Amino acid sequence: MLSHGNFLSFLAALVAHPDIQGWREDDSYLSFLPLPHVLERVVIVSMLYRGCFVAFYSGDMLKIKDDMEFIKPTILVAVPRLFNRIVENVQKTFSEATGMKGCLINNGV
């Protein structure tokens, strides 16, 4: 069972980490994971602790790109599923490329 103490001890360990110590008040974060997700809770608490700006996405995953262009987050925390989707979309786009573009992609130039 997760308790407030669990979150506080994790936050204490997290903010002591050198990568997190670099977060500044002018950093921003776009929250798009569900708030009940443990990772999202910890990230939001960490952002608020460091004084960072937290924005929440519009609620439409199909418009997440628009949300990112509007917010321009400096910190991105995501689960592997999102990165897998991005890779699949890039690979699909590359596989559909023809002509000179396809030649360059296939030869890695």
N, C-alpha and C. Protein backbone atom coordinates (compact mmCIF):
# COMPACT_ATOMS: atom_id res chain seq x y z
N MET A 1 0.84 -1.17 0.00
CA MET A 1 0.00 0.00 0.00
C MET A 1 0.89 1.24 0.00
N LEU A 2 0.53 2.19 -0.83
CA LEU A 2 1.28 3.45 -0.88
C LEU A 2 0.77 4.40 0.19
N SER A 3 1.70 5.07 0.83
CA SER A 3 1.32 6.03 1.86
C SER A 3 1.95 7.39 1.53
N HIS A 4 1.54 8.40 2.25
CA HIS A 4 2.16 9.71 2.08
C HIS A 4 3.65 9.64 2.42
N GLY A 5 3.98 8.82 3.38
CA GLY A 5 5.38 8.63 3.75
C GLY A 5 6.19 8.05 2.61
N ASN A 6 5.59 7.11 1.84
CA ASN A 6 6.27 6.56 0.66
C ASN A 6 6.60 7.67 -0.33
N PHE A 7 5.62 8.52 -0.59
CA PHE A 7 5.83 9.59 -1.56
C PHE A 7 6.87 10.59 -1.05
N LEU A 8 6.81 10.91 0.23
CA LEU A 8 7.78 11.87 0.78
C LEU A 8 9.19 11.33 0.76
N SER A 9 9.36 10.04 1.09
CA SER A 9 10.71 9.48 1.07
C SER A 9 11.24 9.38 -0.36
N PHE A 10 10.36 9.06 -1.30
CA PHE A 10 10.78 9.02 -2.70
C PHE A 10 11.15 10.42 -3.18
N LEU A 11 10.35 11.41 -2.80
CA LEU A 11 10.64 12.79 -3.18
C LEU A 11 11.97 13.25 -2.61
N ALA A 12 12.26 12.89 -1.36
CA ALA A 12 13.53 13.26 -0.74
C ALA A 12 14.71 12.65 -1.51
N ALA A 13 14.56 11.40 -1.91
CA ALA A 13 15.63 10.76 -2.68
C ALA A 13 15.75 11.37 -4.07
N LEU A 14 14.60 11.69 -4.66
CA LEU A 14 14.58 12.23 -6.01
C LEU A 14 15.23 13.61 -6.09
N VAL A 15 14.88 14.49 -5.17
CA VAL A 15 15.42 15.86 -5.24
C VAL A 15 16.91 15.89 -4.88
N ALA A 16 17.42 14.84 -4.26
CA ALA A 16 18.85 14.78 -3.96
C ALA A 16 19.64 14.28 -5.18
N HIS A 17 18.95 13.73 -6.19
CA HIS A 17 19.62 13.21 -7.38
C HIS A 17 20.17 14.37 -8.21
N PRO A 18 21.39 14.25 -8.73
CA PRO A 18 22.01 15.36 -9.47
C PRO A 18 21.21 15.83 -10.69
N ASP A 19 20.55 14.92 -11.40
CA ASP A 19 19.78 15.33 -12.58
C ASP A 19 18.59 16.18 -12.19
N ILE A 20 17.98 15.89 -11.06
CA ILE A 20 16.80 16.62 -10.61
C ILE A 20 17.21 17.96 -10.00
N GLN A 21 18.39 18.03 -9.42
CA GLN A 21 18.83 19.28 -8.81
C GLN A 21 18.97 20.39 -9.84
N GLY A 22 19.08 20.00 -11.13
CA GLY A 22 19.19 20.99 -12.19
C GLY A 22 17.86 21.61 -12.60
N TRP A 23 16.74 21.07 -12.10
CA TRP A 23 15.44 21.64 -12.42
C TRP A 23 15.33 23.02 -11.79
N ARG A 24 14.85 23.99 -12.58
CA ARG A 24 14.76 25.37 -12.11
C ARG A 24 13.32 25.87 -12.20
N GLU A 25 13.07 27.01 -11.62
CA GLU A 25 11.73 27.59 -11.62
C GLU A 25 11.25 27.94 -13.03
N ASP A 26 12.16 28.14 -13.96
CA ASP A 26 11.73 28.46 -15.32
C ASP A 26 11.52 27.21 -16.19
N ASP A 27 11.68 26.03 -15.61
CA ASP A 27 11.37 24.78 -16.32
C ASP A 27 9.86 24.57 -16.35
N SER A 28 9.41 23.85 -17.37
CA SER A 28 7.98 23.56 -17.48
C SER A 28 7.77 22.08 -17.80
N TYR A 29 6.61 21.59 -17.45
CA TYR A 29 6.28 20.18 -17.61
C TYR A 29 4.84 20.06 -18.09
N LEU A 30 4.63 19.24 -19.10
CA LEU A 30 3.28 18.97 -19.60
C LEU A 30 2.84 17.62 -19.08
N SER A 31 1.83 17.62 -18.24
CA SER A 31 1.31 16.40 -17.65
C SER A 31 0.27 15.79 -18.57
N PHE A 32 0.52 14.54 -18.99
CA PHE A 32 -0.46 13.86 -19.83
C PHE A 32 -0.74 12.44 -19.39
N LEU A 33 -0.02 11.96 -18.39
CA LEU A 33 -0.34 10.65 -17.81
C LEU A 33 -1.51 10.84 -16.85
N PRO A 34 -2.29 9.79 -16.62
CA PRO A 34 -3.39 9.91 -15.65
C PRO A 34 -2.85 10.23 -14.26
N LEU A 35 -3.52 11.12 -13.54
CA LEU A 35 -3.05 11.48 -12.20
C LEU A 35 -3.00 10.31 -11.23
N PRO A 36 -3.85 9.29 -11.35
CA PRO A 36 -3.69 8.14 -10.45
C PRO A 36 -2.40 7.35 -10.70
N HIS A 37 -1.75 7.58 -11.83
CA HIS A 37 -0.49 6.87 -12.14
C HIS A 37 0.58 7.33 -11.15
N VAL A 38 1.23 6.40 -10.50
CA VAL A 38 2.20 6.72 -9.46
C VAL A 38 3.33 7.59 -10.01
N LEU A 39 3.82 7.28 -11.19
CA LEU A 39 4.90 8.08 -11.77
C LEU A 39 4.46 9.53 -11.94
N GLU A 40 3.24 9.73 -12.41
CA GLU A 40 2.75 11.10 -12.63
C GLU A 40 2.63 11.86 -11.31
N ARG A 41 2.15 11.20 -10.29
CA ARG A 41 2.04 11.86 -8.98
C ARG A 41 3.40 12.32 -8.47
N VAL A 42 4.37 11.42 -8.56
CA VAL A 42 5.71 11.74 -8.06
C VAL A 42 6.32 12.88 -8.87
N VAL A 43 6.15 12.85 -10.18
CA VAL A 43 6.72 13.89 -11.03
C VAL A 43 6.09 15.24 -10.72
N ILE A 44 4.78 15.29 -10.61
CA ILE A 44 4.11 16.56 -10.34
C ILE A 44 4.53 17.12 -8.98
N VAL A 45 4.59 16.27 -7.97
CA VAL A 45 5.03 16.74 -6.64
C VAL A 45 6.47 17.25 -6.72
N SER A 46 7.31 16.55 -7.48
CA SER A 46 8.70 16.98 -7.64
C SER A 46 8.79 18.31 -8.35
N MET A 47 7.99 18.48 -9.40
CA MET A 47 7.99 19.75 -10.13
C MET A 47 7.56 20.90 -9.22
N LEU A 48 6.49 20.68 -8.50
CA LEU A 48 5.99 21.72 -7.61
C LEU A 48 7.00 22.04 -6.51
N TYR A 49 7.66 21.00 -6.00
CA TYR A 49 8.68 21.20 -4.97
C TYR A 49 9.81 22.10 -5.48
N ARG A 50 10.21 21.90 -6.74
CA ARG A 50 11.29 22.68 -7.33
C ARG A 50 10.81 24.02 -7.88
N GLY A 51 9.50 24.28 -7.83
CA GLY A 51 8.96 25.55 -8.30
C GLY A 51 8.74 25.61 -9.80
N CYS A 52 8.71 24.46 -10.46
CA CYS A 52 8.53 24.41 -11.91
C CYS A 52 7.06 24.64 -12.28
N PHE A 53 6.85 25.01 -13.53
CA PHE A 53 5.52 25.23 -14.08
C PHE A 53 4.96 23.89 -14.54
N VAL A 54 3.75 23.55 -14.12
CA VAL A 54 3.09 22.32 -14.52
C VAL A 54 1.83 22.67 -15.29
N ALA A 55 1.72 22.13 -16.50
CA ALA A 55 0.52 22.32 -17.33
C ALA A 55 -0.09 20.96 -17.58
N PHE A 56 -1.39 20.92 -17.77
CA PHE A 56 -2.10 19.67 -18.04
C PHE A 56 -2.60 19.68 -19.47
N TYR A 57 -2.46 18.54 -20.14
CA TYR A 57 -2.84 18.47 -21.55
C TYR A 57 -4.35 18.62 -21.71
N SER A 58 -4.78 18.90 -22.93
CA SER A 58 -6.17 19.23 -23.21
C SER A 58 -7.14 18.08 -22.97
N GLY A 59 -6.64 16.87 -22.85
CA GLY A 59 -7.49 15.71 -22.63
C GLY A 59 -7.66 14.87 -23.88
N ASP A 60 -7.17 15.35 -25.01
CA ASP A 60 -7.27 14.62 -26.27
C ASP A 60 -5.87 14.19 -26.68
N MET A 61 -5.59 12.89 -26.60
CA MET A 61 -4.25 12.39 -26.93
C MET A 61 -3.90 12.65 -28.39
N LEU A 62 -4.90 12.82 -29.24
CA LEU A 62 -4.63 13.11 -30.65
C LEU A 62 -4.10 14.53 -30.83
N LYS A 63 -4.30 15.38 -29.81
CA LYS A 63 -3.84 16.77 -29.88
C LYS A 63 -2.64 17.02 -28.97
N ILE A 64 -1.99 15.96 -28.52
CA ILE A 64 -0.86 16.11 -27.60
C ILE A 64 0.27 16.90 -28.26
N LYS A 65 0.44 16.73 -29.57
CA LYS A 65 1.47 17.48 -30.29
C LYS A 65 1.17 18.98 -30.22
N ASP A 66 -0.09 19.35 -30.40
CA ASP A 66 -0.47 20.77 -30.31
C ASP A 66 -0.22 21.31 -28.90
N ASP A 67 -0.55 20.50 -27.89
CA ASP A 67 -0.31 20.90 -26.50
C ASP A 67 1.19 21.13 -26.26
N MET A 68 2.03 20.23 -26.80
CA MET A 68 3.47 20.38 -26.61
C MET A 68 4.00 21.62 -27.32
N GLU A 69 3.47 21.90 -28.51
CA GLU A 69 3.91 23.10 -29.22
C GLU A 69 3.49 24.36 -28.48
N PHE A 70 2.34 24.33 -27.83
CA PHE A 70 1.86 25.50 -27.09
C PHE A 70 2.63 25.70 -25.79
N ILE A 71 2.80 24.63 -25.02
CA ILE A 71 3.45 24.71 -23.70
C ILE A 71 4.98 24.79 -23.83
N LYS A 72 5.54 24.08 -24.81
CA LYS A 72 6.99 23.98 -24.98
C LYS A 72 7.67 23.51 -23.69
N PRO A 73 7.30 22.29 -23.24
CA PRO A 73 7.87 21.80 -21.97
C PRO A 73 9.38 21.60 -22.08
N THR A 74 10.06 21.92 -21.01
CA THR A 74 11.51 21.72 -20.96
C THR A 74 11.85 20.38 -20.33
N ILE A 75 10.87 19.75 -19.68
CA ILE A 75 11.06 18.45 -19.06
C ILE A 75 9.97 17.53 -19.56
N LEU A 76 10.36 16.34 -20.01
CA LEU A 76 9.39 15.36 -20.50
C LEU A 76 9.61 14.05 -19.74
N VAL A 77 8.58 13.60 -19.08
CA VAL A 77 8.61 12.31 -18.40
C VAL A 77 7.47 11.50 -19.00
N ALA A 78 7.79 10.32 -19.46
CA ALA A 78 6.77 9.50 -20.11
C ALA A 78 7.04 8.03 -19.84
N VAL A 79 6.07 7.23 -20.18
CA VAL A 79 6.18 5.78 -20.04
C VAL A 79 6.63 5.21 -21.39
N PRO A 80 7.20 4.01 -21.40
CA PRO A 80 7.70 3.43 -22.66
C PRO A 80 6.63 3.33 -23.76
N ARG A 81 5.39 3.16 -23.39
CA ARG A 81 4.32 3.03 -24.39
C ARG A 81 4.28 4.24 -25.32
N LEU A 82 4.46 5.43 -24.78
CA LEU A 82 4.44 6.64 -25.60
C LEU A 82 5.62 6.65 -26.56
N PHE A 83 6.80 6.33 -26.06
CA PHE A 83 7.98 6.32 -26.92
C PHE A 83 7.85 5.24 -28.01
N ASN A 84 7.26 4.09 -27.66
CA ASN A 84 7.03 3.04 -28.66
C ASN A 84 6.11 3.53 -29.77
N ARG A 85 5.08 4.28 -29.42
CA ARG A 85 4.18 4.84 -30.44
C ARG A 85 4.90 5.83 -31.34
N ILE A 86 5.75 6.65 -30.76
CA ILE A 86 6.50 7.61 -31.56
C ILE A 86 7.41 6.88 -32.55
N VAL A 87 8.12 5.86 -32.06
CA VAL A 87 9.01 5.08 -32.93
C VAL A 87 8.21 4.41 -34.05
N GLU A 88 7.04 3.83 -33.71
CA GLU A 88 6.20 3.17 -34.72
C GLU A 88 5.77 4.16 -35.79
N ASN A 89 5.38 5.38 -35.39
CA ASN A 89 4.96 6.39 -36.36
C ASN A 89 6.11 6.81 -37.26
N VAL A 90 7.29 6.98 -36.68
CA VAL A 90 8.45 7.36 -37.48
C VAL A 90 8.80 6.24 -38.46
N GLN A 91 8.80 5.00 -37.99
CA GLN A 91 9.13 3.88 -38.86
C GLN A 91 8.09 3.73 -39.98
N LYS A 92 6.83 3.96 -39.67
CA LYS A 92 5.79 3.89 -40.69
C LYS A 92 6.00 4.97 -41.74
N THR A 93 6.31 6.18 -41.29
CA THR A 93 6.57 7.28 -42.23
C THR A 93 7.77 6.97 -43.11
N PHE A 94 8.83 6.43 -42.51
CA PHE A 94 10.03 6.09 -43.27
C PHE A 94 9.74 4.98 -44.28
N SER A 95 8.96 3.98 -43.88
CA SER A 95 8.69 2.85 -44.78
C SER A 95 7.84 3.27 -45.97
N GLU A 96 7.07 4.34 -45.83
CA GLU A 96 6.22 4.82 -46.91
C GLU A 96 6.93 5.80 -47.83
N ALA A 97 8.15 6.20 -47.47
CA ALA A 97 8.89 7.17 -48.28
C ALA A 97 9.32 6.53 -49.59
N THR A 98 9.18 7.29 -50.67
CA THR A 98 9.57 6.81 -51.99
C THR A 98 10.51 7.82 -52.64
N GLY A 99 11.00 7.47 -53.82
CA GLY A 99 11.86 8.37 -54.57
C GLY A 99 13.17 8.66 -53.86
N MET A 100 13.64 9.89 -54.01
CA MET A 100 14.91 10.30 -53.42
C MET A 100 14.87 10.21 -51.90
N LYS A 101 13.74 10.60 -51.32
CA LYS A 101 13.60 10.55 -49.86
C LYS A 101 13.75 9.11 -49.36
N GLY A 102 13.08 8.17 -50.04
CA GLY A 102 13.17 6.76 -49.67
C GLY A 102 14.58 6.22 -49.83
N CYS A 103 15.25 6.66 -50.90
CA CYS A 103 16.62 6.22 -51.15
C CYS A 103 17.54 6.70 -50.03
N LEU A 104 17.40 7.96 -49.65
CA LEU A 104 18.23 8.50 -48.57
C LEU A 104 17.97 7.79 -47.25
N ILE A 105 16.69 7.53 -46.95
CA ILE A 105 16.35 6.86 -45.70
C ILE A 105 16.89 5.44 -45.69
N ASN A 106 16.71 4.71 -46.79
CA ASN A 106 17.16 3.31 -46.86
C ASN A 106 18.68 3.17 -46.82
N ASN A 107 19.39 4.18 -47.30
CA ASN A 107 20.85 4.13 -47.30
C ASN A 107 21.45 4.83 -46.09
N GLY A 108 20.61 5.40 -45.23
CA GLY A 108 21.09 6.02 -44.00
C GLY A 108 21.92 7.26 -44.22
N VAL A 109 21.66 7.97 -45.30
CA VAL A 109 22.43 9.17 -45.61
C VAL A 109 21.81 10.38 -44.97
